[in-house]
Amino acid sequence: MKRPIAGAALVLALGGCSAEPPDQRPVTLPAPTSTPASTSAAPTTSSSPATPAGPALDSQPMTAADGKNVSACRRRSCEVLVHAGSELSFATSNGPGAAVVASVGPEGIVLGVSAGISGQISSGPTAGEFASINDVKFVLAAARPGSGVLRLVRG
């Protein structure tokens, strides 16, 4: 008889324990978004406005890991400084692609793209991912009038 009572006392004692201090609330992060890899020969695209809660483009640093070297995007993820007229070649899981910057600034970026299909994609005025083509995600990290930092993330 002593064991069930001791076990019940232990459960009650541990039930009040918490891994966080009582005066702090848990932080809830947004669910990650992912686009499954395409298994067909037809390219897939998605485009959506950047999350409204993201930071303003003109509040982000204008530094790019690959500088103005847009050729870095041909075979790998890249982060480049772009302006209207910048041309980027990239590879997707379904073949080669190309993007031309039509405009860029604190209001966002507009790209003309071709990767098995042709069209135009654009972001909103906040930093973040705004489109994907097959396994390549497009992220506008920062922008000022006439220039911006664009990331192409493979995988």
N, C-alpha and C. Protein backbone atom coordinates (compact mmCIF):
# COMPACT_ATOMS: atom_id res chain seq x y z
N MET A 1 0.80 -1.20 0.00
CA MET A 1 0.00 0.00 0.00
C MET A 1 0.84 1.26 0.00
N LYS A 2 2.01 1.21 0.57
CA LYS A 2 2.84 2.40 0.64
C LYS A 2 3.34 2.81 -0.75
N ARG A 3 3.58 1.89 -1.62
CA ARG A 3 4.10 2.23 -2.94
C ARG A 3 3.11 3.02 -3.79
N PRO A 4 1.82 2.66 -3.89
CA PRO A 4 0.90 3.47 -4.69
C PRO A 4 0.77 4.89 -4.14
N ILE A 5 0.79 5.05 -2.84
CA ILE A 5 0.67 6.39 -2.28
C ILE A 5 1.92 7.19 -2.59
N ALA A 6 3.11 6.57 -2.46
CA ALA A 6 4.35 7.27 -2.78
C ALA A 6 4.39 7.63 -4.25
N GLY A 7 3.93 6.74 -5.12
CA GLY A 7 3.90 7.01 -6.56
C GLY A 7 2.96 8.16 -6.88
N ALA A 8 1.80 8.18 -6.23
CA ALA A 8 0.85 9.27 -6.46
C ALA A 8 1.42 10.59 -5.98
N ALA A 9 2.12 10.57 -4.86
CA ALA A 9 2.74 11.80 -4.34
C ALA A 9 3.81 12.29 -5.31
N LEU A 10 4.59 11.38 -5.90
CA LEU A 10 5.63 11.75 -6.85
C LEU A 10 5.02 12.37 -8.11
N VAL A 11 3.96 11.77 -8.63
CA VAL A 11 3.29 12.31 -9.80
C VAL A 11 2.75 13.71 -9.52
N LEU A 12 2.14 13.89 -8.36
CA LEU A 12 1.62 15.21 -8.01
C LEU A 12 2.74 16.23 -7.88
N ALA A 13 3.87 15.83 -7.31
CA ALA A 13 4.99 16.74 -7.12
C ALA A 13 5.61 17.13 -8.46
N LEU A 14 5.76 16.18 -9.36
CA LEU A 14 6.36 16.46 -10.66
C LEU A 14 5.40 17.19 -11.59
N GLY A 15 4.12 17.02 -11.39
CA GLY A 15 3.13 17.67 -12.24
C GLY A 15 3.22 19.18 -12.17
N GLY A 16 3.67 19.75 -11.07
CA GLY A 16 3.79 21.19 -10.94
C GLY A 16 5.11 21.74 -11.45
N CYS A 17 6.04 20.87 -11.86
CA CYS A 17 7.34 21.33 -12.35
C CYS A 17 7.23 21.79 -13.79
N SER A 18 8.05 22.75 -14.14
CA SER A 18 8.08 23.26 -15.50
C SER A 18 9.52 23.53 -15.88
N ALA A 19 9.85 23.39 -17.16
CA ALA A 19 11.22 23.63 -17.63
C ALA A 19 11.51 25.12 -17.79
N GLU A 20 10.50 25.97 -17.69
CA GLU A 20 10.73 27.40 -17.88
C GLU A 20 10.30 28.17 -16.63
N PRO A 21 10.90 29.33 -16.40
CA PRO A 21 10.51 30.12 -15.24
C PRO A 21 9.03 30.49 -15.31
N PRO A 22 8.34 30.60 -14.16
CA PRO A 22 6.90 30.85 -14.18
C PRO A 22 6.53 32.22 -14.74
N ASP A 23 7.45 33.19 -14.76
CA ASP A 23 7.10 34.52 -15.24
C ASP A 23 7.35 34.70 -16.74
N GLN A 24 7.79 33.66 -17.46
CA GLN A 24 8.04 33.77 -18.89
C GLN A 24 7.08 32.89 -19.65
N ARG A 25 6.57 33.43 -20.75
CA ARG A 25 5.66 32.67 -21.61
C ARG A 25 6.47 31.97 -22.68
N PRO A 26 6.03 30.80 -23.13
CA PRO A 26 6.74 30.13 -24.22
C PRO A 26 6.63 30.93 -25.51
N VAL A 27 7.65 30.84 -26.33
CA VAL A 27 7.68 31.52 -27.61
C VAL A 27 7.16 30.57 -28.66
N THR A 28 6.22 31.01 -29.47
CA THR A 28 5.68 30.18 -30.54
C THR A 28 6.25 30.70 -31.85
N LEU A 29 6.98 29.85 -32.56
CA LEU A 29 7.55 30.21 -33.85
C LEU A 29 6.60 29.78 -34.96
N PRO A 30 6.57 30.52 -36.07
CA PRO A 30 5.71 30.11 -37.17
C PRO A 30 6.18 28.78 -37.75
N ALA A 31 5.24 28.02 -38.26
CA ALA A 31 5.58 26.74 -38.86
C ALA A 31 6.44 26.97 -40.09
N PRO A 32 7.49 26.14 -40.29
CA PRO A 32 8.33 26.31 -41.47
C PRO A 32 7.53 25.99 -42.72
N THR A 33 7.87 26.70 -43.78
CA THR A 33 7.23 26.42 -45.05
C THR A 33 8.23 25.67 -45.92
N SER A 34 7.73 24.71 -46.65
CA SER A 34 8.61 23.98 -47.55
C SER A 34 7.83 23.59 -48.78
N THR A 35 8.54 23.48 -49.86
CA THR A 35 7.96 23.06 -51.11
C THR A 35 8.57 21.71 -51.45
N PRO A 36 7.76 20.66 -51.56
CA PRO A 36 8.34 19.36 -51.88
C PRO A 36 9.02 19.38 -53.24
N ALA A 37 10.08 18.61 -53.36
CA ALA A 37 10.81 18.55 -54.62
C ALA A 37 9.90 18.00 -55.71
N SER A 38 9.99 18.55 -56.87
CA SER A 38 9.17 18.11 -57.99
C SER A 38 9.72 16.81 -58.55
N THR A 39 8.83 15.88 -58.85
CA THR A 39 9.26 14.61 -59.43
C THR A 39 8.92 14.53 -60.90
N SER A 40 8.20 15.50 -61.42
CA SER A 40 7.84 15.47 -62.83
C SER A 40 8.78 16.37 -63.62
N ALA A 41 8.70 16.27 -64.92
CA ALA A 41 9.55 17.09 -65.78
C ALA A 41 9.04 18.52 -65.88
N ALA A 42 7.77 18.74 -65.53
CA ALA A 42 7.22 20.10 -65.61
C ALA A 42 7.67 20.91 -64.40
N PRO A 43 8.15 22.14 -64.62
CA PRO A 43 8.59 22.96 -63.50
C PRO A 43 7.42 23.40 -62.62
N THR A 44 7.70 23.56 -61.36
CA THR A 44 6.69 24.06 -60.44
C THR A 44 7.11 25.43 -59.96
N THR A 45 6.15 26.29 -59.76
CA THR A 45 6.45 27.63 -59.25
C THR A 45 5.45 27.98 -58.18
N SER A 46 5.86 28.84 -57.29
CA SER A 46 4.93 29.42 -56.34
C SER A 46 5.38 30.83 -56.08
N SER A 47 4.43 31.68 -55.83
CA SER A 47 4.75 33.07 -55.56
C SER A 47 3.75 33.57 -54.55
N SER A 48 4.25 34.22 -53.52
CA SER A 48 3.37 34.79 -52.51
C SER A 48 4.03 36.02 -51.93
N PRO A 49 3.24 36.96 -51.45
CA PRO A 49 3.85 38.13 -50.85
C PRO A 49 4.63 37.75 -49.61
N ALA A 50 5.68 38.50 -49.32
CA ALA A 50 6.46 38.25 -48.12
C ALA A 50 5.57 38.41 -46.89
N THR A 51 5.93 37.74 -45.83
CA THR A 51 5.17 37.81 -44.60
C THR A 51 5.08 39.26 -44.11
N PRO A 52 3.87 39.77 -43.87
CA PRO A 52 3.75 41.17 -43.46
C PRO A 52 4.52 41.49 -42.18
N ALA A 53 4.76 40.52 -41.33
CA ALA A 53 5.46 40.77 -40.08
C ALA A 53 6.97 40.82 -40.26
N GLY A 54 7.47 40.58 -41.47
CA GLY A 54 8.91 40.59 -41.72
C GLY A 54 9.47 42.01 -41.62
N PRO A 55 10.79 42.10 -41.50
CA PRO A 55 11.41 43.43 -41.39
C PRO A 55 11.34 44.19 -42.71
N ALA A 56 11.27 45.50 -42.61
CA ALA A 56 11.26 46.35 -43.80
C ALA A 56 12.56 46.18 -44.56
N LEU A 57 12.48 46.15 -45.88
CA LEU A 57 13.66 45.94 -46.71
C LEU A 57 14.74 46.98 -46.49
N ASP A 58 14.33 48.24 -46.29
CA ASP A 58 15.33 49.29 -46.14
C ASP A 58 15.95 49.35 -44.74
N SER A 59 15.53 48.44 -43.85
CA SER A 59 16.14 48.39 -42.52
C SER A 59 17.20 47.30 -42.42
N GLN A 60 17.39 46.55 -43.49
CA GLN A 60 18.33 45.44 -43.50
C GLN A 60 19.67 45.85 -44.12
N PRO A 61 20.78 45.21 -43.70
CA PRO A 61 22.09 45.58 -44.25
C PRO A 61 22.21 45.25 -45.73
N MET A 62 22.87 46.12 -46.46
CA MET A 62 23.05 45.94 -47.91
C MET A 62 24.40 45.27 -48.19
N THR A 63 24.61 44.13 -47.59
CA THR A 63 25.83 43.37 -47.85
C THR A 63 25.43 42.03 -48.44
N ALA A 64 26.20 41.58 -49.42
CA ALA A 64 25.91 40.31 -50.08
C ALA A 64 27.17 39.45 -50.06
N ALA A 65 27.03 38.20 -49.66
CA ALA A 65 28.18 37.29 -49.54
C ALA A 65 28.95 37.17 -50.86
N ASP A 66 28.25 37.17 -51.98
CA ASP A 66 28.90 37.02 -53.28
C ASP A 66 29.08 38.36 -54.01
N GLY A 67 28.83 39.47 -53.31
CA GLY A 67 29.00 40.78 -53.92
C GLY A 67 28.14 40.94 -55.17
N LYS A 68 28.74 41.44 -56.24
CA LYS A 68 28.03 41.62 -57.52
C LYS A 68 28.25 40.44 -58.47
N ASN A 69 28.86 39.37 -57.99
CA ASN A 69 29.20 38.22 -58.81
C ASN A 69 27.97 37.34 -59.05
N VAL A 70 27.12 37.75 -60.00
CA VAL A 70 25.89 36.99 -60.28
C VAL A 70 26.17 35.61 -60.85
N SER A 71 27.38 35.38 -61.39
CA SER A 71 27.71 34.05 -61.92
C SER A 71 27.80 33.02 -60.78
N ALA A 72 27.88 33.47 -59.54
CA ALA A 72 27.90 32.55 -58.39
C ALA A 72 26.60 31.75 -58.31
N CYS A 73 25.54 32.25 -58.90
CA CYS A 73 24.22 31.61 -58.82
C CYS A 73 24.06 30.44 -59.78
N ARG A 74 24.99 30.26 -60.71
CA ARG A 74 24.81 29.24 -61.76
C ARG A 74 24.68 27.83 -61.21
N ARG A 75 25.45 27.47 -60.20
CA ARG A 75 25.48 26.08 -59.74
C ARG A 75 25.22 25.89 -58.25
N ARG A 76 25.04 26.99 -57.51
CA ARG A 76 24.88 26.85 -56.06
C ARG A 76 24.00 27.98 -55.52
N SER A 77 23.68 27.89 -54.23
CA SER A 77 22.99 28.99 -53.57
C SER A 77 23.89 30.21 -53.63
N CYS A 78 23.29 31.40 -53.68
CA CYS A 78 24.08 32.62 -53.78
C CYS A 78 23.36 33.77 -53.09
N GLU A 79 24.12 34.81 -52.82
CA GLU A 79 23.58 36.05 -52.26
C GLU A 79 24.30 37.18 -52.98
N VAL A 80 23.56 37.91 -53.83
CA VAL A 80 24.20 38.91 -54.70
C VAL A 80 23.50 40.26 -54.61
N LEU A 81 24.28 41.30 -54.89
CA LEU A 81 23.76 42.65 -54.97
C LEU A 81 23.26 42.85 -56.40
N VAL A 82 21.99 43.23 -56.55
CA VAL A 82 21.39 43.38 -57.88
C VAL A 82 20.81 44.78 -58.07
N HIS A 83 20.56 45.11 -59.33
CA HIS A 83 19.92 46.37 -59.72
C HIS A 83 19.08 46.07 -60.96
N ALA A 84 18.28 47.01 -61.39
CA ALA A 84 17.47 46.80 -62.60
C ALA A 84 18.40 46.45 -63.75
N GLY A 85 18.10 45.38 -64.45
CA GLY A 85 18.92 44.92 -65.57
C GLY A 85 19.87 43.78 -65.20
N SER A 86 20.06 43.50 -63.90
CA SER A 86 20.93 42.38 -63.52
C SER A 86 20.34 41.08 -64.06
N GLU A 87 21.23 40.23 -64.62
CA GLU A 87 20.81 38.94 -65.17
C GLU A 87 21.47 37.84 -64.38
N LEU A 88 20.67 36.86 -63.95
CA LEU A 88 21.17 35.73 -63.17
C LEU A 88 20.81 34.44 -63.87
N SER A 89 21.77 33.56 -64.02
CA SER A 89 21.52 32.20 -64.50
C SER A 89 21.57 31.29 -63.29
N PHE A 90 20.68 30.31 -63.26
CA PHE A 90 20.66 29.36 -62.15
C PHE A 90 20.22 28.00 -62.66
N ALA A 91 20.47 26.98 -61.87
CA ALA A 91 20.07 25.62 -62.24
C ALA A 91 19.01 25.14 -61.26
N THR A 92 17.98 24.51 -61.78
CA THR A 92 16.94 23.90 -60.95
C THR A 92 17.03 22.39 -61.10
N SER A 93 16.24 21.68 -60.34
CA SER A 93 16.22 20.22 -60.46
C SER A 93 15.71 19.77 -61.82
N ASN A 94 15.03 20.66 -62.56
CA ASN A 94 14.50 20.33 -63.89
C ASN A 94 15.24 21.00 -65.02
N GLY A 95 16.39 21.62 -64.74
CA GLY A 95 17.15 22.23 -65.81
C GLY A 95 17.52 23.67 -65.52
N PRO A 96 18.08 24.35 -66.53
CA PRO A 96 18.57 25.72 -66.34
C PRO A 96 17.43 26.73 -66.23
N GLY A 97 17.75 27.84 -65.58
CA GLY A 97 16.80 28.94 -65.45
C GLY A 97 17.53 30.26 -65.55
N ALA A 98 16.77 31.32 -65.76
CA ALA A 98 17.35 32.66 -65.85
C ALA A 98 16.37 33.65 -65.23
N ALA A 99 16.91 34.70 -64.65
CA ALA A 99 16.09 35.77 -64.08
C ALA A 99 16.72 37.11 -64.45
N VAL A 100 15.89 38.09 -64.76
CA VAL A 100 16.32 39.45 -65.05
C VAL A 100 15.57 40.37 -64.10
N VAL A 101 16.31 41.23 -63.41
CA VAL A 101 15.68 42.17 -62.48
C VAL A 101 15.05 43.30 -63.29
N ALA A 102 13.72 43.42 -63.19
CA ALA A 102 13.02 44.51 -63.88
C ALA A 102 13.06 45.78 -63.03
N SER A 103 12.86 45.64 -61.72
CA SER A 103 12.94 46.78 -60.81
C SER A 103 13.22 46.27 -59.41
N VAL A 104 13.84 47.13 -58.59
CA VAL A 104 14.12 46.77 -57.20
C VAL A 104 14.20 48.05 -56.38
N GLY A 105 13.71 47.97 -55.17
CA GLY A 105 13.74 49.10 -54.26
C GLY A 105 13.05 48.74 -52.96
N PRO A 106 12.85 49.70 -52.06
CA PRO A 106 12.24 49.41 -50.76
C PRO A 106 10.81 48.86 -50.86
N GLU A 107 10.18 49.06 -52.03
CA GLU A 107 8.83 48.51 -52.23
C GLU A 107 8.86 47.05 -52.67
N GLY A 108 10.03 46.51 -53.00
CA GLY A 108 10.16 45.11 -53.39
C GLY A 108 10.96 44.95 -54.67
N ILE A 109 10.86 43.76 -55.24
CA ILE A 109 11.61 43.43 -56.46
C ILE A 109 10.65 42.79 -57.46
N VAL A 110 10.90 43.03 -58.74
CA VAL A 110 10.16 42.39 -59.82
C VAL A 110 11.19 41.71 -60.71
N LEU A 111 11.01 40.41 -60.92
CA LEU A 111 11.92 39.61 -61.74
C LEU A 111 11.16 39.01 -62.91
N GLY A 112 11.77 39.05 -64.09
CA GLY A 112 11.30 38.26 -65.22
C GLY A 112 12.06 36.95 -65.16
N VAL A 113 11.37 35.81 -65.15
CA VAL A 113 12.04 34.52 -65.01
C VAL A 113 11.69 33.59 -66.16
N SER A 114 12.62 32.68 -66.42
CA SER A 114 12.43 31.63 -67.41
C SER A 114 13.13 30.39 -66.89
N ALA A 115 12.36 29.34 -66.68
CA ALA A 115 12.91 28.07 -66.21
C ALA A 115 11.95 26.96 -66.62
N GLY A 116 11.86 26.72 -67.91
CA GLY A 116 10.88 25.77 -68.42
C GLY A 116 9.55 26.46 -68.70
N ILE A 117 9.27 27.50 -67.95
CA ILE A 117 8.12 28.37 -68.17
C ILE A 117 8.65 29.80 -68.06
N SER A 118 7.90 30.75 -68.54
CA SER A 118 8.32 32.14 -68.42
C SER A 118 7.25 32.93 -67.70
N GLY A 119 7.67 33.95 -66.98
CA GLY A 119 6.71 34.77 -66.27
C GLY A 119 7.40 35.83 -65.46
N GLN A 120 6.63 36.45 -64.60
CA GLN A 120 7.15 37.51 -63.75
C GLN A 120 6.79 37.18 -62.31
N ILE A 121 7.75 37.37 -61.41
CA ILE A 121 7.50 37.17 -59.99
C ILE A 121 7.90 38.45 -59.27
N SER A 122 7.23 38.71 -58.16
CA SER A 122 7.56 39.92 -57.41
C SER A 122 7.38 39.67 -55.92
N SER A 123 8.07 40.51 -55.14
CA SER A 123 7.97 40.42 -53.69
C SER A 123 7.16 41.59 -53.18
N GLY A 124 6.97 41.62 -51.89
CA GLY A 124 6.36 42.77 -51.22
C GLY A 124 7.44 43.60 -50.56
N PRO A 125 7.06 44.54 -49.71
CA PRO A 125 8.02 45.47 -49.10
C PRO A 125 8.73 44.95 -47.86
N THR A 126 8.62 43.65 -47.57
CA THR A 126 9.31 43.10 -46.40
C THR A 126 10.30 42.03 -46.83
N ALA A 127 11.32 41.85 -46.03
CA ALA A 127 12.36 40.86 -46.34
C ALA A 127 11.81 39.45 -46.17
N GLY A 128 12.26 38.54 -47.02
CA GLY A 128 11.87 37.15 -46.89
C GLY A 128 11.70 36.46 -48.22
N GLU A 129 11.38 35.15 -48.14
CA GLU A 129 11.16 34.35 -49.34
C GLU A 129 9.88 34.81 -50.02
N PHE A 130 9.93 34.98 -51.34
CA PHE A 130 8.73 35.43 -52.04
C PHE A 130 8.33 34.53 -53.19
N ALA A 131 9.18 33.59 -53.60
CA ALA A 131 8.82 32.69 -54.69
C ALA A 131 9.76 31.49 -54.70
N SER A 132 9.34 30.44 -55.39
CA SER A 132 10.23 29.30 -55.62
C SER A 132 9.93 28.72 -56.99
N ILE A 133 10.99 28.24 -57.62
CA ILE A 133 10.87 27.53 -58.89
C ILE A 133 11.58 26.21 -58.69
N ASN A 134 10.80 25.14 -58.73
CA ASN A 134 11.31 23.80 -58.43
C ASN A 134 12.03 23.83 -57.09
N ASP A 135 13.33 23.59 -57.07
CA ASP A 135 14.07 23.52 -55.81
C ASP A 135 14.85 24.80 -55.50
N VAL A 136 14.56 25.89 -56.20
CA VAL A 136 15.25 27.16 -55.96
C VAL A 136 14.27 28.16 -55.33
N LYS A 137 14.64 28.66 -54.15
CA LYS A 137 13.82 29.65 -53.45
C LYS A 137 14.42 31.04 -53.69
N PHE A 138 13.58 32.03 -53.89
CA PHE A 138 13.99 33.41 -54.09
C PHE A 138 13.69 34.20 -52.82
N VAL A 139 14.73 34.84 -52.28
CA VAL A 139 14.61 35.60 -51.03
C VAL A 139 15.16 37.00 -51.27
N LEU A 140 14.36 38.00 -50.99
CA LEU A 140 14.86 39.38 -51.03
C LEU A 140 15.25 39.74 -49.61
N ALA A 141 16.56 39.96 -49.38
CA ALA A 141 17.07 40.17 -48.03
C ALA A 141 17.09 41.65 -47.64
N ALA A 142 17.32 42.54 -48.60
CA ALA A 142 17.41 43.98 -48.31
C ALA A 142 17.23 44.74 -49.61
N ALA A 143 16.84 46.01 -49.51
CA ALA A 143 16.72 46.84 -50.71
C ALA A 143 16.77 48.31 -50.34
N ARG A 144 17.29 49.07 -51.27
CA ARG A 144 17.30 50.53 -51.23
C ARG A 144 16.84 50.98 -52.62
N PRO A 145 16.55 52.25 -52.82
CA PRO A 145 16.15 52.68 -54.16
C PRO A 145 17.19 52.28 -55.21
N GLY A 146 16.78 51.44 -56.16
CA GLY A 146 17.66 51.06 -57.27
C GLY A 146 18.53 49.84 -57.06
N SER A 147 18.60 49.28 -55.85
CA SER A 147 19.43 48.08 -55.65
C SER A 147 18.88 47.23 -54.51
N GLY A 148 19.30 45.98 -54.49
CA GLY A 148 18.85 45.07 -53.45
C GLY A 148 19.79 43.89 -53.29
N VAL A 149 19.57 43.13 -52.22
CA VAL A 149 20.33 41.90 -51.97
C VAL A 149 19.37 40.74 -52.20
N LEU A 150 19.68 39.93 -53.22
CA LEU A 150 18.84 38.80 -53.60
C LEU A 150 19.58 37.51 -53.28
N ARG A 151 18.85 36.57 -52.64
CA ARG A 151 19.39 35.23 -52.38
C ARG A 151 18.63 34.23 -53.22
N LEU A 152 19.37 33.33 -53.84
CA LEU A 152 18.79 32.16 -54.47
C LEU A 152 19.26 30.98 -53.64
N VAL A 153 18.32 30.24 -53.06
CA VAL A 153 18.64 29.15 -52.16
C VAL A 153 18.21 27.85 -52.81
N ARG A 154 19.19 26.98 -53.05
CA ARG A 154 18.91 25.68 -53.67
C ARG A 154 18.62 24.64 -52.61
N GLY A 155 17.73 23.74 -52.98
CA GLY A 155 17.48 22.59 -52.10
C GLY A 155 16.33 22.72 -51.28
